[in-house]
């Protein structure tokens, strides 16, 4: 793995696939590292001719961690309650700048872009700020930033609040177990504990997410403006994917995204939660590929 210096931020990245492959940038969500992309899913994209670029957002994995005083629980709660009260070290726009800077570092004039959850928000913002850099857009289990669409289910809030209030894990084993439970809470009906434990171990090996780093990214989401009106400006082929069992970002977020972007295509999976279930990965990879082909057409 290698890193790129983008201003005062270091972004860790890894590339899979042939040098002459069609570039595709994968942007991971809040509290997750580049290793959260399932290896078989990455391989499916490589097999379809893509040169796959994955990276750690700032405050995750091996990328730069912000050194300002950590967010207080009160500040996080205020941001969740209303955008006007949110205070953040950076916004989704800054994270999109990180992605554009990585493309500059790699010498990529443009690329296909796929983002999940917060990564979908960053992917949308990247498309809006740098339309010439994006060949096609895929937004997965995400939303437009509108507070009424793609909210978190009230049924999930108690479990999430327990995670937010919990102290940072002390041991590697505790971090892994905490990670598995976090994945379990948001997954759909096809939760694979063995695979999720491997993913949690991979996270812990590279430096598991801390409550502070997670809260900084959550504040970035809460402080960022609604993108709904601006998304009408998107002209690249767009695919929106969402799971009907998603309780972290309710399916209305995906529906709102598809409605906001002209000509977009919406793909809904009944058994999928806030995850990339193994049984749907081949179909998702093929849908991303077909969306990318629309750019050539």
C-alpha atoms as a PDB file:
ATOM      1  CA  UNK A   1       0.000   0.000   0.000  1.00  0.00           C
ATOM      2  CA  UNK A   2       1.079   3.578  -0.639  1.00  0.00           C
ATOM      3  CA  UNK A   3       0.048   7.058   0.391  1.00  0.00           C
ATOM      4  CA  UNK A   4      -0.547  10.434  -1.218  1.00  0.00           C
ATOM      5  CA  UNK A   5       0.210  13.787   0.405  1.00  0.00           C
ATOM      6  CA  UNK A   6      -2.739  16.077  -0.339  1.00  0.00           C
ATOM      7  CA  UNK A   7      -2.089  19.429   1.293  1.00  0.00           C
ATOM      8  CA  UNK A   8      -1.710  18.635   4.981  1.00  0.00           C
ATOM      9  CA  UNK A   9      -3.606  15.348   4.678  1.00  0.00           C
ATOM     10  CA  UNK A  10      -2.038  11.968   3.960  1.00  0.00           C
ATOM     11  CA  UNK A  11      -4.349   9.521   2.177  1.00  0.00           C
ATOM     12  CA  UNK A  12      -3.491   5.816   2.179  1.00  0.00           C
ATOM     13  CA  UNK A  13      -4.586   3.884  -0.889  1.00  0.00           C
ATOM     14  CA  UNK A  14      -4.241   0.563  -2.674  1.00  0.00           C
ATOM     15  CA  UNK A  15      -4.749  -0.337  -6.349  1.00  0.00           C
ATOM     16  CA  UNK A  16      -5.891  -3.656  -7.796  1.00  0.00           C
ATOM     17  CA  UNK A  17      -6.175  -4.617 -11.430  1.00  0.00           C
ATOM     18  CA  UNK A  18      -4.265  -3.988 -14.660  1.00  0.00           C
ATOM     19  CA  UNK A  19      -2.460  -0.710 -15.320  1.00  0.00           C
ATOM     20  CA  UNK A  20      -4.494  -0.223 -18.492  1.00  0.00           C
ATOM     21  CA  UNK A  21      -7.815  -1.047 -16.837  1.00  0.00           C
ATOM     22  CA  UNK A  22     -10.726   1.351 -16.689  1.00  0.00           C
ATOM     23  CA  UNK A  23     -10.173   3.343 -13.439  1.00  0.00           C
ATOM     24  CA  UNK A  24     -12.792   3.092 -10.723  1.00  0.00           C
ATOM     25  CA  UNK A  25     -12.579   4.816  -7.339  1.00  0.00           C
ATOM     26  CA  UNK A  26     -14.216   3.109  -4.344  1.00  0.00           C
ATOM     27  CA  UNK A  27     -15.102   5.391  -1.410  1.00  0.00           C
ATOM     28  CA  UNK A  28     -15.860   3.733   1.917  1.00  0.00           C
ATOM     29  CA  UNK A  29     -18.305   4.913   4.571  1.00  0.00           C
ATOM     30  CA  UNK A  30     -18.128   6.347   8.067  1.00  0.00           C
ATOM     31  CA  UNK A  31     -15.953   4.480  10.525  1.00  0.00           C
ATOM     32  CA  UNK A  32     -14.707   2.019   7.896  1.00  0.00           C
ATOM     33  CA  UNK A  33     -11.391   1.512   6.131  1.00  0.00           C
ATOM     34  CA  UNK A  34     -10.487   0.454   2.616  1.00  0.00           C
ATOM     35  CA  UNK A  35     -10.358  -3.163   3.823  1.00  0.00           C
ATOM     36  CA  UNK A  36     -14.124  -2.995   4.396  1.00  0.00           C
ATOM     37  CA  UNK A  37     -14.592  -3.572   0.654  1.00  0.00           C
ATOM     38  CA  UNK A  38     -15.064  -7.360   0.392  1.00  0.00           C
ATOM     39  CA  UNK A  39     -12.050  -8.882  -1.415  1.00  0.00           C
ATOM     40  CA  UNK A  40     -14.248 -10.983  -3.696  1.00  0.00           C
ATOM     41  CA  UNK A  41     -16.212  -7.875  -4.709  1.00  0.00           C
ATOM     42  CA  UNK A  42     -12.991  -6.063  -5.606  1.00  0.00           C
ATOM     43  CA  UNK A  43     -11.940  -9.109  -7.626  1.00  0.00           C
ATOM     44  CA  UNK A  44     -15.264  -9.099  -9.466  1.00  0.00           C
ATOM     45  CA  UNK A  45     -14.578  -5.538 -10.608  1.00  0.00           C
ATOM     46  CA  UNK A  46     -11.018  -6.435 -11.605  1.00  0.00           C
ATOM     47  CA  UNK A  47     -12.335  -9.377 -13.613  1.00  0.00           C
ATOM     48  CA  UNK A  48     -14.571  -6.937 -15.469  1.00  0.00           C
ATOM     49  CA  UNK A  49     -11.566  -4.913 -16.597  1.00  0.00           C
ATOM     50  CA  UNK A  50     -11.419  -2.208 -13.927  1.00  0.00           C
ATOM     51  CA  UNK A  51      -8.349  -0.778 -12.261  1.00  0.00           C
ATOM     52  CA  UNK A  52      -9.731  -0.506  -8.729  1.00  0.00           C
ATOM     53  CA  UNK A  53      -8.541   2.270  -6.406  1.00  0.00           C
ATOM     54  CA  UNK A  54      -9.513   2.051  -2.720  1.00  0.00           C
ATOM     55  CA  UNK A  55      -8.449   4.438   0.020  1.00  0.00           C
ATOM     56  CA  UNK A  56      -8.869   5.354   3.673  1.00  0.00           C
ATOM     57  CA  UNK A  57     -10.777   8.557   4.276  1.00  0.00           C
ATOM     58  CA  UNK A  58      -9.073  10.938   6.690  1.00  0.00           C
ATOM     59  CA  UNK A  59      -9.507   9.858  10.327  1.00  0.00           C
ATOM     60  CA  UNK A  60      -9.544   6.195   9.301  1.00  0.00           C
ATOM     61  CA  UNK A  61      -7.011   3.419   8.880  1.00  0.00           C
ATOM     62  CA  UNK A  62      -3.578   4.613   7.817  1.00  0.00           C
ATOM     63  CA  UNK A  63      -4.633   8.059   6.605  1.00  0.00           C
ATOM     64  CA  UNK A  64      -4.139  11.279   8.572  1.00  0.00           C
ATOM     65  CA  UNK A  65      -5.996  11.679  11.850  1.00  0.00           C
ATOM     66  CA  UNK A  66      -7.190  15.155  12.811  1.00  0.00           C
ATOM     67  CA  UNK A  67      -5.317  16.613  15.782  1.00  0.00           C
ATOM     68  CA  UNK A  68      -7.790  19.246  16.978  1.00  0.00           C
ATOM     69  CA  UNK A  69      -9.625  18.700  20.306  1.00  0.00           C
ATOM     70  CA  UNK A  70     -12.068  15.787  20.037  1.00  0.00           C
ATOM     71  CA  UNK A  71     -15.786  16.428  19.561  1.00  0.00           C
ATOM     72  CA  UNK A  72     -17.833  16.356  22.747  1.00  0.00           C
ATOM     73  CA  UNK A  73     -20.868  14.129  23.030  1.00  0.00           C
ATOM     74  CA  UNK A  74     -22.977  17.247  23.356  1.00  0.00           C
ATOM     75  CA  UNK A  75     -21.639  18.614  20.080  1.00  0.00           C
ATOM     76  CA  UNK A  76     -22.388  15.334  18.306  1.00  0.00           C
ATOM     77  CA  UNK A  77     -25.913  15.257  19.743  1.00  0.00           C
ATOM     78  CA  UNK A  78     -26.577  18.839  18.630  1.00  0.00           C
ATOM     79  CA  UNK A  79     -25.413  18.055  15.108  1.00  0.00           C
ATOM     80  CA  UNK A  80     -27.694  15.049  14.966  1.00  0.00           C
ATOM     81  CA  UNK A  81     -30.603  17.190  16.121  1.00  0.00           C
ATOM     82  CA  UNK A  82     -30.165  20.006  13.581  1.00  0.00           C
ATOM     83  CA  UNK A  83     -27.708  20.947  10.846  1.00  0.00           C
ATOM     84  CA  UNK A  84     -27.505  24.551  12.034  1.00  0.00           C
ATOM     85  CA  UNK A  85     -26.052  23.370  15.351  1.00  0.00           C
ATOM     86  CA  UNK A  86     -23.446  21.051  13.811  1.00  0.00           C
ATOM     87  CA  UNK A  87     -19.798  21.973  14.337  1.00  0.00           C
ATOM     88  CA  UNK A  88     -17.235  20.006  12.332  1.00  0.00           C
ATOM     89  CA  UNK A  89     -13.501  19.984  11.620  1.00  0.00           C
ATOM     90  CA  UNK A  90     -14.308  19.367   7.953  1.00  0.00           C
ATOM     91  CA  UNK A  91     -17.285  18.621   5.723  1.00  0.00           C
ATOM     92  CA  UNK A  92     -18.153  16.197   2.941  1.00  0.00           C
ATOM     93  CA  UNK A  93     -16.865  18.825   0.520  1.00  0.00           C
ATOM     94  CA  UNK A  94     -13.404  18.547   2.099  1.00  0.00           C
ATOM     95  CA  UNK A  95     -13.541  14.768   1.804  1.00  0.00           C
ATOM     96  CA  UNK A  96     -14.407  15.189  -1.879  1.00  0.00           C
ATOM     97  CA  UNK A  97     -11.339  17.420  -2.209  1.00  0.00           C
ATOM     98  CA  UNK A  98      -9.280  14.578  -0.720  1.00  0.00           C
ATOM     99  CA  UNK A  99     -10.627  12.234  -3.408  1.00  0.00           C
ATOM    100  CA  UNK A 100      -9.864  14.745  -6.173  1.00  0.00           C
ATOM    101  CA  UNK A 101      -6.372  15.213  -4.771  1.00  0.00           C
ATOM    102  CA  UNK A 102      -5.835  11.462  -4.859  1.00  0.00           C
ATOM    103  CA  UNK A 103      -6.844  11.416  -8.523  1.00  0.00           C
ATOM    104  CA  UNK A 104      -4.291  14.173  -9.158  1.00  0.00           C
ATOM    105  CA  UNK A 105      -1.634  12.141  -7.351  1.00  0.00           C
ATOM    106  CA  UNK A 106      -2.428   9.086  -9.474  1.00  0.00           C
ATOM    107  CA  UNK A 107      -2.490  11.091 -12.705  1.00  0.00           C
ATOM    108  CA  UNK A 108      -6.117  10.232 -13.373  1.00  0.00           C
ATOM    109  CA  UNK A 109      -7.996  12.906 -15.273  1.00  0.00           C
ATOM    110  CA  UNK A 110     -11.287  11.110 -14.620  1.00  0.00           C
ATOM    111  CA  UNK A 111     -12.645   7.892 -13.163  1.00  0.00           C
ATOM    112  CA  UNK A 112     -15.796   5.946 -12.424  1.00  0.00           C
ATOM    113  CA  UNK A 113     -16.834   6.496  -8.804  1.00  0.00           C
ATOM    114  CA  UNK A 114     -18.589   4.171  -6.362  1.00  0.00           C
ATOM    115  CA  UNK A 115     -19.396   5.172  -2.788  1.00  0.00           C
ATOM    116  CA  UNK A 116     -21.200   3.435   0.065  1.00  0.00           C
ATOM    117  CA  UNK A 117     -23.009   5.189   2.920  1.00  0.00           C
ATOM    118  CA  UNK A 118     -20.935   8.291   3.795  1.00  0.00           C
ATOM    119  CA  UNK A 119     -18.797   7.317   0.806  1.00  0.00           C
ATOM    120  CA  UNK A 120     -21.889   7.697  -1.380  1.00  0.00           C
ATOM    121  CA  UNK A 121     -22.304  11.216  -0.037  1.00  0.00           C
ATOM    122  CA  UNK A 122     -18.662  11.979  -0.806  1.00  0.00           C
ATOM    123  CA  UNK A 123     -19.075  10.465  -4.278  1.00  0.00           C
ATOM    124  CA  UNK A 124     -22.066  12.719  -4.930  1.00  0.00           C
ATOM    125  CA  UNK A 125     -20.149  15.768  -3.722  1.00  0.00           C
ATOM    126  CA  UNK A 126     -17.142  14.816  -5.867  1.00  0.00           C
ATOM    127  CA  UNK A 127     -19.430  14.594  -8.908  1.00  0.00           C
ATOM    128  CA  UNK A 128     -20.938  17.992  -8.141  1.00  0.00           C
ATOM    129  CA  UNK A 129     -17.664  19.816  -7.419  1.00  0.00           C
ATOM    130  CA  UNK A 130     -15.556  18.133 -10.102  1.00  0.00           C
ATOM    131  CA  UNK A 131     -17.965  16.945 -12.815  1.00  0.00           C
ATOM    132  CA  UNK A 132     -15.135  16.617 -15.345  1.00  0.00           C
ATOM    133  CA  UNK A 133     -13.397  14.074 -13.084  1.00  0.00           C
ATOM    134  CA  UNK A 134     -16.312  11.620 -12.849  1.00  0.00           C
ATOM    135  CA  UNK A 135     -17.227   9.264 -15.714  1.00  0.00           C
ATOM    136  CA  UNK A 136     -20.082   7.508 -13.927  1.00  0.00           C
ATOM    137  CA  UNK A 137     -21.498   7.546 -10.407  1.00  0.00           C
ATOM    138  CA  UNK A 138     -22.791   4.726  -8.216  1.00  0.00           C
ATOM    139  CA  UNK A 139     -24.295   5.695  -4.854  1.00  0.00           C
ATOM    140  CA  UNK A 140     -24.955   2.743  -2.530  1.00  0.00           C
ATOM    141  CA  UNK A 141     -26.995   2.812   0.729  1.00  0.00           C
ATOM    142  CA  UNK A 142     -26.659   6.575   0.946  1.00  0.00           C
ATOM    143  CA  UNK A 143     -28.827   9.709   0.801  1.00  0.00           C
ATOM    144  CA  UNK A 144     -28.965  13.286  -0.500  1.00  0.00           C
ATOM    145  CA  UNK A 145     -28.384  15.011   2.830  1.00  0.00           C
ATOM    146  CA  UNK A 146     -32.075  15.870   3.178  1.00  0.00           C
ATOM    147  CA  UNK A 147     -32.984  15.264   6.801  1.00  0.00           C
ATOM    148  CA  UNK A 148     -36.335  13.671   5.985  1.00  0.00           C
ATOM    149  CA  UNK A 149     -35.012  11.042   3.575  1.00  0.00           C
ATOM    150  CA  UNK A 150     -32.618   8.269   4.490  1.00  0.00           C
ATOM    151  CA  UNK A 151     -32.806   8.896   8.211  1.00  0.00           C
ATOM    152  CA  UNK A 152     -31.802   6.255  10.748  1.00  0.00           C
ATOM    153  CA  UNK A 153     -34.658   4.064  11.936  1.00  0.00           C
ATOM    154  CA  UNK A 154     -35.875   4.867  15.449  1.00  0.00           C
ATOM    155  CA  UNK A 155     -35.617   1.152  16.216  1.00  0.00           C
ATOM    156  CA  UNK A 156     -31.873   1.273  15.608  1.00  0.00           C
ATOM    157  CA  UNK A 157     -31.145   4.418  17.626  1.00  0.00           C
ATOM    158  CA  UNK A 158     -30.782   2.770  21.070  1.00  0.00           C
ATOM    159  CA  UNK A 159     -28.111   0.370  19.791  1.00  0.00           C
ATOM    160  CA  UNK A 160     -26.293   3.183  17.981  1.00  0.00           C
ATOM    161  CA  UNK A 161     -26.365   5.415  21.050  1.00  0.00           C
ATOM    162  CA  UNK A 162     -24.836   2.609  23.107  1.00  0.00           C
ATOM    163  CA  UNK A 163     -22.025   2.395  20.551  1.00  0.00           C
ATOM    164  CA  UNK A 164     -21.506   6.160  20.563  1.00  0.00           C
ATOM    165  CA  UNK A 165     -21.420   6.329  24.363  1.00  0.00           C
ATOM    166  CA  UNK A 166     -19.159   3.304  24.819  1.00  0.00           C
ATOM    167  CA  UNK A 167     -15.535   3.859  25.784  1.00  0.00           C
ATOM    168  CA  UNK A 168     -12.860   3.013  23.239  1.00  0.00           C
ATOM    169  CA  UNK A 169     -11.878  -0.685  23.263  1.00  0.00           C
ATOM    170  CA  UNK A 170      -8.786  -1.449  25.333  1.00  0.00           C
ATOM    171  CA  UNK A 171      -7.549  -4.649  23.707  1.00  0.00           C
ATOM    172  CA  UNK A 172      -7.326  -5.875  20.113  1.00  0.00           C
ATOM    173  CA  UNK A 173      -9.773  -8.676  20.920  1.00  0.00           C
ATOM    174  CA  UNK A 174     -12.272  -6.188  22.320  1.00  0.00           C
ATOM    175  CA  UNK A 175     -11.914  -4.017  19.195  1.00  0.00           C
ATOM    176  CA  UNK A 176     -12.586  -7.022  16.954  1.00  0.00           C
ATOM    177  CA  UNK A 177     -15.623  -8.115  18.944  1.00  0.00           C
ATOM    178  CA  UNK A 178     -16.961  -4.568  18.970  1.00  0.00           C
ATOM    179  CA  UNK A 179     -16.532  -4.432  15.203  1.00  0.00           C
ATOM    180  CA  UNK A 180     -18.405  -7.691  14.638  1.00  0.00           C
ATOM    181  CA  UNK A 181     -21.311  -6.502  16.770  1.00  0.00           C
ATOM    182  CA  UNK A 182     -21.408  -3.163  14.952  1.00  0.00           C
ATOM    183  CA  UNK A 183     -21.649  -4.957  11.606  1.00  0.00           C
ATOM    184  CA  UNK A 184     -24.323  -7.299  12.988  1.00  0.00           C
ATOM    185  CA  UNK A 185     -26.562  -4.415  14.091  1.00  0.00           C
ATOM    186  CA  UNK A 186     -26.748  -2.827  10.638  1.00  0.00           C
ATOM    187  CA  UNK A 187     -26.584  -5.890   8.358  1.00  0.00           C
ATOM    188  CA  UNK A 188     -29.463  -7.464   6.479  1.00  0.00           C
ATOM    189  CA  UNK A 189     -30.732 -11.011   6.768  1.00  0.00           C
ATOM    190  CA  UNK A 190     -27.615 -12.548   5.168  1.00  0.00           C
ATOM    191  CA  UNK A 191     -25.177 -11.507   7.918  1.00  0.00           C
ATOM    192  CA  UNK A 192     -21.990 -13.610   7.667  1.00  0.00           C
ATOM    193  CA  UNK A 193     -20.274 -13.590  11.068  1.00  0.00           C
ATOM    194  CA  UNK A 194     -17.156 -15.397   9.840  1.00  0.00           C
ATOM    195  CA  UNK A 195     -16.583 -12.885   7.064  1.00  0.00           C
ATOM    196  CA  UNK A 196     -17.369  -9.921   9.326  1.00  0.00           C
ATOM    197  CA  UNK A 197     -14.888 -11.191  11.917  1.00  0.00           C
ATOM    198  CA  UNK A 198     -12.200 -11.331   9.244  1.00  0.00           C
ATOM    199  CA  UNK A 199     -13.093  -7.773   8.269  1.00  0.00           C
ATOM    200  CA  UNK A 200     -12.971  -6.618  11.887  1.00  0.00           C
ATOM    201  CA  UNK A 201      -9.569  -8.285  12.277  1.00  0.00           C
ATOM    202  CA  UNK A 202      -8.324  -6.490   9.159  1.00  0.00           C
ATOM    203  CA  UNK A 203      -9.527  -3.179  10.611  1.00  0.00           C
ATOM    204  CA  UNK A 204      -7.842  -3.848  13.947  1.00  0.00           C
ATOM    205  CA  UNK A 205      -4.575  -4.811  12.245  1.00  0.00           C
ATOM    206  CA  UNK A 206      -4.424  -1.392  10.576  1.00  0.00           C
ATOM    207  CA  UNK A 207      -5.672   0.617  13.548  1.00  0.00           C
ATOM    208  CA  UNK A 208      -9.332   0.236  14.421  1.00  0.00           C
ATOM    209  CA  UNK A 209     -11.614   3.268  14.284  1.00  0.00           C
ATOM    210  CA  UNK A 210     -11.797   5.230  17.518  1.00  0.00           C
ATOM    211  CA  UNK A 211     -14.916   6.956  18.869  1.00  0.00           C
ATOM    212  CA  UNK A 212     -13.213  10.291  18.142  1.00  0.00           C
ATOM    213  CA  UNK A 213     -12.506   9.507  14.477  1.00  0.00           C
ATOM    214  CA  UNK A 214     -16.028   8.182  13.990  1.00  0.00           C
ATOM    215  CA  UNK A 215     -17.532  11.271  15.624  1.00  0.00           C
ATOM    216  CA  UNK A 216     -15.469  13.612  13.432  1.00  0.00           C
ATOM    217  CA  UNK A 217     -16.852  11.932  10.320  1.00  0.00           C
ATOM    218  CA  UNK A 218     -20.378  11.962  11.754  1.00  0.00           C
ATOM    219  CA  UNK A 219     -20.031  15.680  12.397  1.00  0.00           C
ATOM    220  CA  UNK A 220     -18.835  16.155   8.806  1.00  0.00           C
ATOM    221  CA  UNK A 221     -22.065  14.542   7.587  1.00  0.00           C
ATOM    222  CA  UNK A 222     -24.245  16.541   9.959  1.00  0.00           C
ATOM    223  CA  UNK A 223     -22.606  19.875   9.052  1.00  0.00           C
ATOM    224  CA  UNK A 224     -22.852  19.371   5.279  1.00  0.00           C
ATOM    225  CA  UNK A 225     -25.723  20.949   3.322  1.00  0.00           C
ATOM    226  CA  UNK A 226     -28.571  19.165   1.603  1.00  0.00           C
ATOM    227  CA  UNK A 227     -27.471  18.180  -1.928  1.00  0.00           C
ATOM    228  CA  UNK A 228     -30.951  17.488  -3.336  1.00  0.00           C
ATOM    229  CA  UNK A 229     -31.324  20.574  -5.539  1.00  0.00           C
ATOM    230  CA  UNK A 230     -27.723  20.452  -6.756  1.00  0.00           C
ATOM    231  CA  UNK A 231     -28.017  16.788  -7.729  1.00  0.00           C
ATOM    232  CA  UNK A 232     -30.278  17.872 -10.586  1.00  0.00           C
ATOM    233  CA  UNK A 233     -27.060  19.130 -12.213  1.00  0.00           C
ATOM    234  CA  UNK A 234     -25.547  15.633 -12.452  1.00  0.00           C
ATOM    235  CA  UNK A 235     -25.291  14.500 -16.065  1.00  0.00           C
ATOM    236  CA  UNK A 236     -23.102  11.382 -15.801  1.00  0.00           C
ATOM    237  CA  UNK A 237     -24.687   7.920 -15.832  1.00  0.00           C
ATOM    238  CA  UNK A 238     -25.833   7.242 -12.283  1.00  0.00           C
ATOM    239  CA  UNK A 239     -26.789   4.047 -10.487  1.00  0.00           C
ATOM    240  CA  UNK A 240     -28.410   4.094  -7.043  1.00  0.00           C
ATOM    241  CA  UNK A 241     -28.426   0.899  -4.957  1.00  0.00           C
ATOM    242  CA  UNK A 242     -30.173   0.381  -1.625  1.00  0.00           C
ATOM    243  CA  UNK A 243     -31.321  -2.426   0.627  1.00  0.00           C
ATOM    244  CA  UNK A 244     -34.929  -2.503   1.767  1.00  0.00           C
ATOM    245  CA  UNK A 245     -33.790  -3.836   5.166  1.00  0.00           C
ATOM    246  CA  UNK A 246     -31.386  -0.927   5.719  1.00  0.00           C
ATOM    247  CA  UNK A 247     -32.128   0.606   9.130  1.00  0.00           C
ATOM    248  CA  UNK A 248     -29.055   2.849   9.362  1.00  0.00           C
ATOM    249  CA  UNK A 249     -29.945   4.783   6.192  1.00  0.00           C
ATOM    250  CA  UNK A 250     -33.572   4.036   5.445  1.00  0.00           C
ATOM    251  CA  UNK A 251     -34.398   3.130   1.810  1.00  0.00           C
ATOM    252  CA  UNK A 252     -36.054   6.515   1.326  1.00  0.00           C
ATOM    253  CA  UNK A 253     -32.501   7.877   1.057  1.00  0.00           C
ATOM    254  CA  UNK A 254     -31.824   5.829  -2.045  1.00  0.00           C
ATOM    255  CA  UNK A 255     -35.216   6.642  -3.546  1.00  0.00           C
ATOM    256  CA  UNK A 256     -34.651  10.366  -2.946  1.00  0.00           C
ATOM    257  CA  UNK A 257     -31.202  10.157  -4.542  1.00  0.00           C
ATOM    258  CA  UNK A 258     -32.577   8.465  -7.666  1.00  0.00           C
ATOM    259  CA  UNK A 259     -35.364  11.019  -7.920  1.00  0.00           C
ATOM    260  CA  UNK A 260     -32.928  13.922  -7.575  1.00  0.00           C
ATOM    261  CA  UNK A 261     -30.531  12.800 -10.341  1.00  0.00           C
ATOM    262  CA  UNK A 262     -31.969  12.929 -13.871  1.00  0.00           C
ATOM    263  CA  UNK A 263     -31.810   9.625 -15.755  1.00  0.00           C
ATOM    264  CA  UNK A 264     -30.506   7.656 -12.783  1.00  0.00           C
ATOM    265  CA  UNK A 265     -31.317   3.992 -12.281  1.00  0.00           C
ATOM    266  CA  UNK A 266     -32.520   2.593  -8.943  1.00  0.00           C
ATOM    267  CA  UNK A 267     -31.758  -0.965  -7.824  1.00  0.00           C
ATOM    268  CA  UNK A 268     -33.379  -2.211  -4.601  1.00  0.00           C
ATOM    269  CA  UNK A 269     -32.662  -5.530  -2.858  1.00  0.00           C
ATOM    270  CA  UNK A 270     -35.256  -6.871  -0.390  1.00  0.00           C
ATOM    271  CA  UNK A 271     -32.854  -8.803   1.891  1.00  0.00           C
ATOM    272  CA  UNK A 272     -30.018  -6.255   1.927  1.00  0.00           C
ATOM    273  CA  UNK A 273     -29.367  -4.056   4.950  1.00  0.00           C
ATOM    274  CA  UNK A 274     -26.510  -1.613   5.393  1.00  0.00           C
ATOM    275  CA  UNK A 275     -24.028  -4.041   3.891  1.00  0.00           C
ATOM    276  CA  UNK A 276     -22.878  -5.692   0.679  1.00  0.00           C
ATOM    277  CA  UNK A 277     -24.332  -9.205   1.024  1.00  0.00           C
ATOM    278  CA  UNK A 278     -22.324 -11.964  -0.615  1.00  0.00           C
ATOM    279  CA  UNK A 279     -25.321 -13.256  -2.553  1.00  0.00           C
ATOM    280  CA  UNK A 280     -25.792  -9.888  -4.304  1.00  0.00           C
ATOM    281  CA  UNK A 281     -22.188  -8.872  -5.004  1.00  0.00           C
ATOM    282  CA  UNK A 282     -22.017 -10.374  -8.478  1.00  0.00           C
ATOM    283  CA  UNK A 283     -25.233  -8.599  -9.434  1.00  0.00           C
ATOM    284  CA  UNK A 284     -24.005  -5.320  -7.938  1.00  0.00           C
ATOM    285  CA  UNK A 285     -20.652  -5.572  -9.731  1.00  0.00           C
ATOM    286  CA  UNK A 286     -22.422  -6.232 -13.024  1.00  0.00           C
ATOM    287  CA  UNK A 287     -24.805  -3.306 -12.482  1.00  0.00           C
ATOM    288  CA  UNK A 288     -21.840  -1.004 -11.794  1.00  0.00           C
ATOM    289  CA  UNK A 289     -20.185  -2.267 -14.966  1.00  0.00           C
ATOM    290  CA  UNK A 290     -23.280  -1.665 -17.057  1.00  0.00           C
ATOM    291  CA  UNK A 291     -23.585   1.835 -15.603  1.00  0.00           C
ATOM    292  CA  UNK A 292     -19.962   2.504 -16.546  1.00  0.00           C
ATOM    293  CA  UNK A 293     -20.683   1.328 -20.093  1.00  0.00           C
ATOM    294  CA  UNK A 294     -23.411   3.974 -20.312  1.00  0.00           C
ATOM    295  CA  UNK A 295     -20.649   6.583 -20.012  1.00  0.00           C
ATOM    296  CA  UNK A 296     -19.061   5.299 -23.217  1.00  0.00           C
ATOM    297  CA  UNK A 297     -22.399   5.286 -24.998  1.00  0.00           C
END
